[in-house]
Each structure stands twice: as structure tokens, then as C-alpha cells.
């Protein structure tokens, strides 16, 4: 498995994480994998994501089956039907699915073009990445689901960092 990393500097943090995704994919005419750097995956099956992403023109949303509704509330939930993602809910108040959305997504050139267009239309103001992806799904853009397995920590607080370090 070979991975090419691209680092970009977002000098407009007020535009949101979605703007960083746009910057990292400037000129990219292929699918791209987005992975947040504040997440820890131990013994994960990310390698299995490659054939799924390669076999379709759809974007892919990776999630974990979890038992902690509070963790889902702090992140986002993924609603699935027949192997497809039908809705993403950013920081849901009520949790009716325990599919925890992660920072791993595979996006297509169509997603990037739509994101570029959205920033041009809204005057480069803030765009929430998950809400944006959900709007595309609601419009009918296909999104496949990938079940991540292994150990997951959203490392946005010291206790999560300690759990991730203990796992290694």
C-alpha cells in the first residue's frame, strides 16, 4: 500500500476544515482519501478501504460501530441502508444509530468541484465539512459505507491521548 501525503497550509481557518480539504485537492483529478490527524487507529483495517474505493465512483464514508452514544454526540453519526450512506448527522442531539463517523473519507473529483463552487457561491465563508457531504448525499450523490475495525480514539483531550498511548 503506497500513500502520497500532501501538506497544505490553510491561512483562512475561519473558512473551516472543508477549505483545507479543498486546498489539498487543488488540481487533483482522482479520488482522495481524507484522514484527520487527531484520530488514532490501532490495528485498523484501513487497507481494506482501497478495493472498495477503487471499485466505484462513489465517495466513501468510514465509521465504527460503537456502544457510546455520548461519543457519537461529540462527533457525527452515519445512517446506513443497503451498504450506502443515506445521512450524516453532525453532533446529533439524539442518537438513533451507533455508527460513529470518523475523519476518514474518500472523496471524488465531483465532491471537490462542488466544494469549490460552494465556496465561490457563499463568498468564502465557513463550510462545515460533514454538513456539506451530507447535503451532497441528500441530493443523490452516492456514498458507500466502510466499516472500520480496530481500536479508535478521537484524540481531542488528554485522556484520549493517554488511552491511545496505552493501546500501543
Protein backbone atom coordinates (compact mmCIF):
# COMPACT_ATOMS: atom_id res chain seq x y z
CA UNK A 1 0.00 0.00 0.00
CA UNK A 2 1.61 3.26 -1.04
CA UNK A 3 0.43 6.58 0.25
CA UNK A 4 1.28 10.02 -1.03
CA UNK A 5 0.83 12.75 1.53
CA UNK A 6 0.17 16.35 0.69
CA UNK A 7 0.61 19.02 3.33
CA UNK A 8 -1.05 22.37 2.87
CA UNK A 9 -1.26 25.49 4.96
CA UNK A 10 -4.71 26.93 5.41
CA UNK A 11 -4.31 30.65 6.10
CA UNK A 12 -8.08 31.03 6.32
CA UNK A 13 -9.07 28.90 9.31
CA UNK A 14 -12.33 30.84 9.53
CA UNK A 15 -13.45 29.00 6.36
CA UNK A 16 -13.37 25.65 8.16
CA UNK A 17 -11.76 22.27 7.69
CA UNK A 18 -13.56 21.91 4.36
CA UNK A 19 -11.34 24.67 2.98
CA UNK A 20 -8.24 22.66 3.94
CA UNK A 21 -9.69 19.71 2.03
CA UNK A 22 -10.20 21.97 -0.98
CA UNK A 23 -6.63 23.30 -0.80
CA UNK A 24 -5.16 19.80 -0.53
CA UNK A 25 -7.06 18.69 -3.61
CA UNK A 26 -6.34 21.62 -5.94
CA UNK A 27 -5.73 20.17 -9.38
CA UNK A 28 -6.45 16.60 -8.27
CA UNK A 29 -8.42 14.71 -10.90
CA UNK A 30 -8.57 11.48 -8.90
CA UNK A 31 -10.15 10.30 -5.69
CA UNK A 32 -8.51 11.42 -2.50
CA UNK A 33 -8.51 9.97 0.99
CA UNK A 34 -9.04 12.46 3.80
CA UNK A 35 -7.86 11.41 7.27
CA UNK A 36 -7.96 13.69 10.29
CA UNK A 37 -4.75 13.89 12.26
CA UNK A 38 -6.44 13.98 15.67
CA UNK A 39 -7.65 10.41 15.40
CA UNK A 40 -5.79 7.28 16.45
CA UNK A 41 -6.40 3.94 14.74
CA UNK A 42 -4.73 0.87 16.25
CA UNK A 43 -4.77 -2.41 14.31
CA UNK A 44 -7.24 -0.90 11.86
CA UNK A 45 -8.42 -2.34 8.58
CA UNK A 46 -7.81 0.82 6.54
CA UNK A 47 -6.04 -1.32 3.92
CA UNK A 48 -9.42 -2.87 3.07
CA UNK A 49 -10.74 0.56 2.15
CA UNK A 50 -8.65 0.65 -1.03
CA UNK A 51 -10.51 -2.02 -3.06
CA UNK A 52 -13.91 -0.61 -2.07
CA UNK A 53 -12.91 2.93 -3.04
CA UNK A 54 -11.27 1.74 -6.26
CA UNK A 55 -14.28 -0.25 -7.44
CA UNK A 56 -16.75 2.63 -7.50
CA UNK A 57 -17.15 6.26 -8.49
CA UNK A 58 -18.89 6.94 -5.18
CA UNK A 59 -17.42 8.70 -2.19
CA UNK A 60 -16.80 6.50 0.85
CA UNK A 61 -17.56 7.29 4.49
CA UNK A 62 -15.76 5.24 7.14
CA UNK A 63 -17.34 4.63 10.51
CA UNK A 64 -17.03 2.46 13.61
CA UNK A 65 -19.80 0.54 15.30
CA UNK A 66 -19.63 1.79 18.87
CA UNK A 67 -21.55 1.47 22.11
CA UNK A 68 -21.10 5.02 23.40
CA UNK A 69 -23.89 7.38 22.38
CA UNK A 70 -22.05 10.28 24.05
CA UNK A 71 -19.06 9.72 21.76
CA UNK A 72 -21.37 9.83 18.73
CA UNK A 73 -22.92 13.06 20.05
CA UNK A 74 -19.46 14.68 20.17
CA UNK A 75 -18.68 13.62 16.59
CA UNK A 76 -21.17 12.60 13.91
CA UNK A 77 -23.46 9.69 13.19
CA UNK A 78 -23.73 7.72 9.97
CA UNK A 79 -27.08 6.34 8.84
CA UNK A 80 -26.76 3.35 6.51
CA UNK A 81 -29.18 1.45 4.27
CA UNK A 82 -28.14 -1.41 1.97
CA UNK A 83 -24.43 -0.61 2.26
CA UNK A 84 -24.93 3.02 1.31
CA UNK A 85 -24.73 6.08 3.48
CA UNK A 86 -28.09 7.84 3.48
CA UNK A 87 -27.42 10.56 6.04
CA UNK A 88 -24.65 12.14 8.13
CA UNK A 89 -25.61 13.98 11.32
CA UNK A 90 -23.02 16.32 12.78
CA UNK A 91 -23.04 16.32 16.61
CA UNK A 92 -26.56 14.86 16.86
CA UNK A 93 -28.58 15.71 19.96
CA UNK A 94 -30.49 12.44 19.73
CA UNK A 95 -28.61 9.32 18.70
CA UNK A 96 -30.59 6.65 16.87
CA UNK A 97 -27.60 4.90 15.31
CA UNK A 98 -24.33 3.89 16.91
CA UNK A 99 -22.33 4.18 13.72
CA UNK A 100 -19.68 6.70 14.73
CA UNK A 101 -18.46 8.78 11.82
CA UNK A 102 -14.69 9.12 11.63
CA UNK A 103 -12.34 11.53 9.93
CA UNK A 104 -11.66 9.01 7.16
CA UNK A 105 -13.48 9.74 3.91
CA UNK A 106 -12.70 9.05 0.28
CA UNK A 107 -13.79 11.93 -1.91
CA UNK A 108 -14.19 12.20 -5.65
CA UNK A 109 -13.36 14.98 -8.10
CA UNK A 110 -17.10 15.76 -8.16
CA UNK A 111 -17.02 16.43 -4.41
CA UNK A 112 -14.04 18.78 -4.81
CA UNK A 113 -15.66 20.63 -7.69
CA UNK A 114 -18.88 21.06 -5.73
CA UNK A 115 -16.89 22.27 -2.70
CA UNK A 116 -15.02 24.81 -4.85
CA UNK A 117 -18.33 26.01 -6.28
CA UNK A 118 -19.89 26.27 -2.81
CA UNK A 119 -17.05 28.49 -1.56
CA UNK A 120 -17.38 30.71 -4.64
CA UNK A 121 -21.13 30.97 -4.15
CA UNK A 122 -21.05 31.73 -0.42
CA UNK A 123 -18.23 34.28 -0.58
CA UNK A 124 -15.61 32.03 1.07
CA UNK A 125 -17.41 31.85 4.40
CA UNK A 126 -17.37 28.88 6.78
CA UNK A 127 -18.49 25.48 5.47
CA UNK A 128 -18.91 22.51 7.80
CA UNK A 129 -17.33 19.52 6.03
CA UNK A 130 -19.74 16.88 7.33
CA UNK A 131 -22.82 19.02 6.70
CA UNK A 132 -21.51 19.68 3.18
CA UNK A 133 -21.01 15.95 2.48
CA UNK A 134 -24.48 15.27 3.86
CA UNK A 135 -26.00 17.87 1.53
CA UNK A 136 -24.43 16.04 -1.43
CA UNK A 137 -25.79 12.71 -0.16
CA UNK A 138 -29.26 14.25 0.21
CA UNK A 139 -29.02 15.47 -3.40
CA UNK A 140 -28.37 11.89 -4.51
CA UNK A 141 -24.59 11.74 -4.82
CA UNK A 142 -23.75 8.13 -3.95
CA UNK A 143 -21.79 7.40 -0.78
CA UNK A 144 -20.65 3.93 0.21
CA UNK A 145 -20.15 2.85 3.79
CA UNK A 146 -16.92 1.30 5.06
CA UNK A 147 -16.84 -0.30 8.49
CA UNK A 148 -13.58 0.50 10.22
CA UNK A 149 -12.37 -2.08 12.70
CA UNK A 150 -9.66 -1.93 15.29
CA UNK A 151 -9.02 0.48 18.13
CA UNK A 152 -10.22 4.07 17.67
CA UNK A 153 -9.60 7.17 19.74
CA UNK A 154 -10.62 10.71 18.88
CA UNK A 155 -7.57 12.39 20.40
CA UNK A 156 -9.01 15.78 21.27
CA UNK A 157 -8.44 15.62 25.00
CA UNK A 158 -5.63 14.37 27.24
CA UNK A 159 -7.47 11.27 28.48
CA UNK A 160 -7.97 10.07 24.88
CA UNK A 161 -4.29 10.62 24.15
CA UNK A 162 -3.39 8.52 27.19
CA UNK A 163 -5.74 5.72 26.04
CA UNK A 164 -4.18 5.78 22.56
CA UNK A 165 -0.66 5.62 24.02
CA UNK A 166 -1.68 2.74 26.31
CA UNK A 167 -3.02 0.79 23.34
CA UNK A 168 0.37 0.82 21.61
